[in-house]
Amino acid sequence: MSALAKFRIYGIVLALAIFGIDQWVKNFVVEDLGLTRVGDHYPLLPFFDFTRTNNYGVSLGMFEATSMEMRWILVAGTAAIALVVLVWMLREKLLGEILALGLVLGGALGNIRDRYLYGYVIDYADLHIGDFRPFLIFNVADAAITIGVVIILARALFMREKPSNEQDAATE
């Protein structure tokens, strides 16, 4: 098996792992901790709690689905984006990009599943310093998407391709 095929398998395995972890934690928060209603709260650390909320929008609660039609438009739209990410990942050649896209894909799949099943995404991770909350309440899928996008942007901004004569010498 070629290195490129292995890289792509790593990306798909990472996406599936993120999806599984996201769904497991959401189930743990809802079923095991009993956070079934918006606002239910479970203190964990002085700076981190589980606080249940339902996100009817997409990123940062924008584009909130206020009707059944909007819900399905968001499902279809995010599924289309996930498909684009999958195709991008399968065309990519560098492990760093493949893994970053795997993070994005796994997170997207976790949130798409929630929106498909419930009409909203279950969020629970409440990071705070006293009463100050620097972030909205989020979930594993949101964190994976954010980390993946930051890696993609950082690599695009700071990684330079070698000139073609150096690349040719490196492959000989």
Foldseek 3Di string as FASTA:
>chain_A
DDPQVVLLVVLQVLLQVLLVVQVVVLCCVCPVVVQPDQQDWADDDLFKIFGKDWQQAPVVNPQGDPDPVSLVVVLVVLVVVLVVLSVVLSPDRDSLLSNLSSLLNSLSVNQSVCCVVPVTGIFTIFGGDVPHGPDDGGTSSVVSNVVSVVSVVCCVPPPDDDPPVVVVVVVD
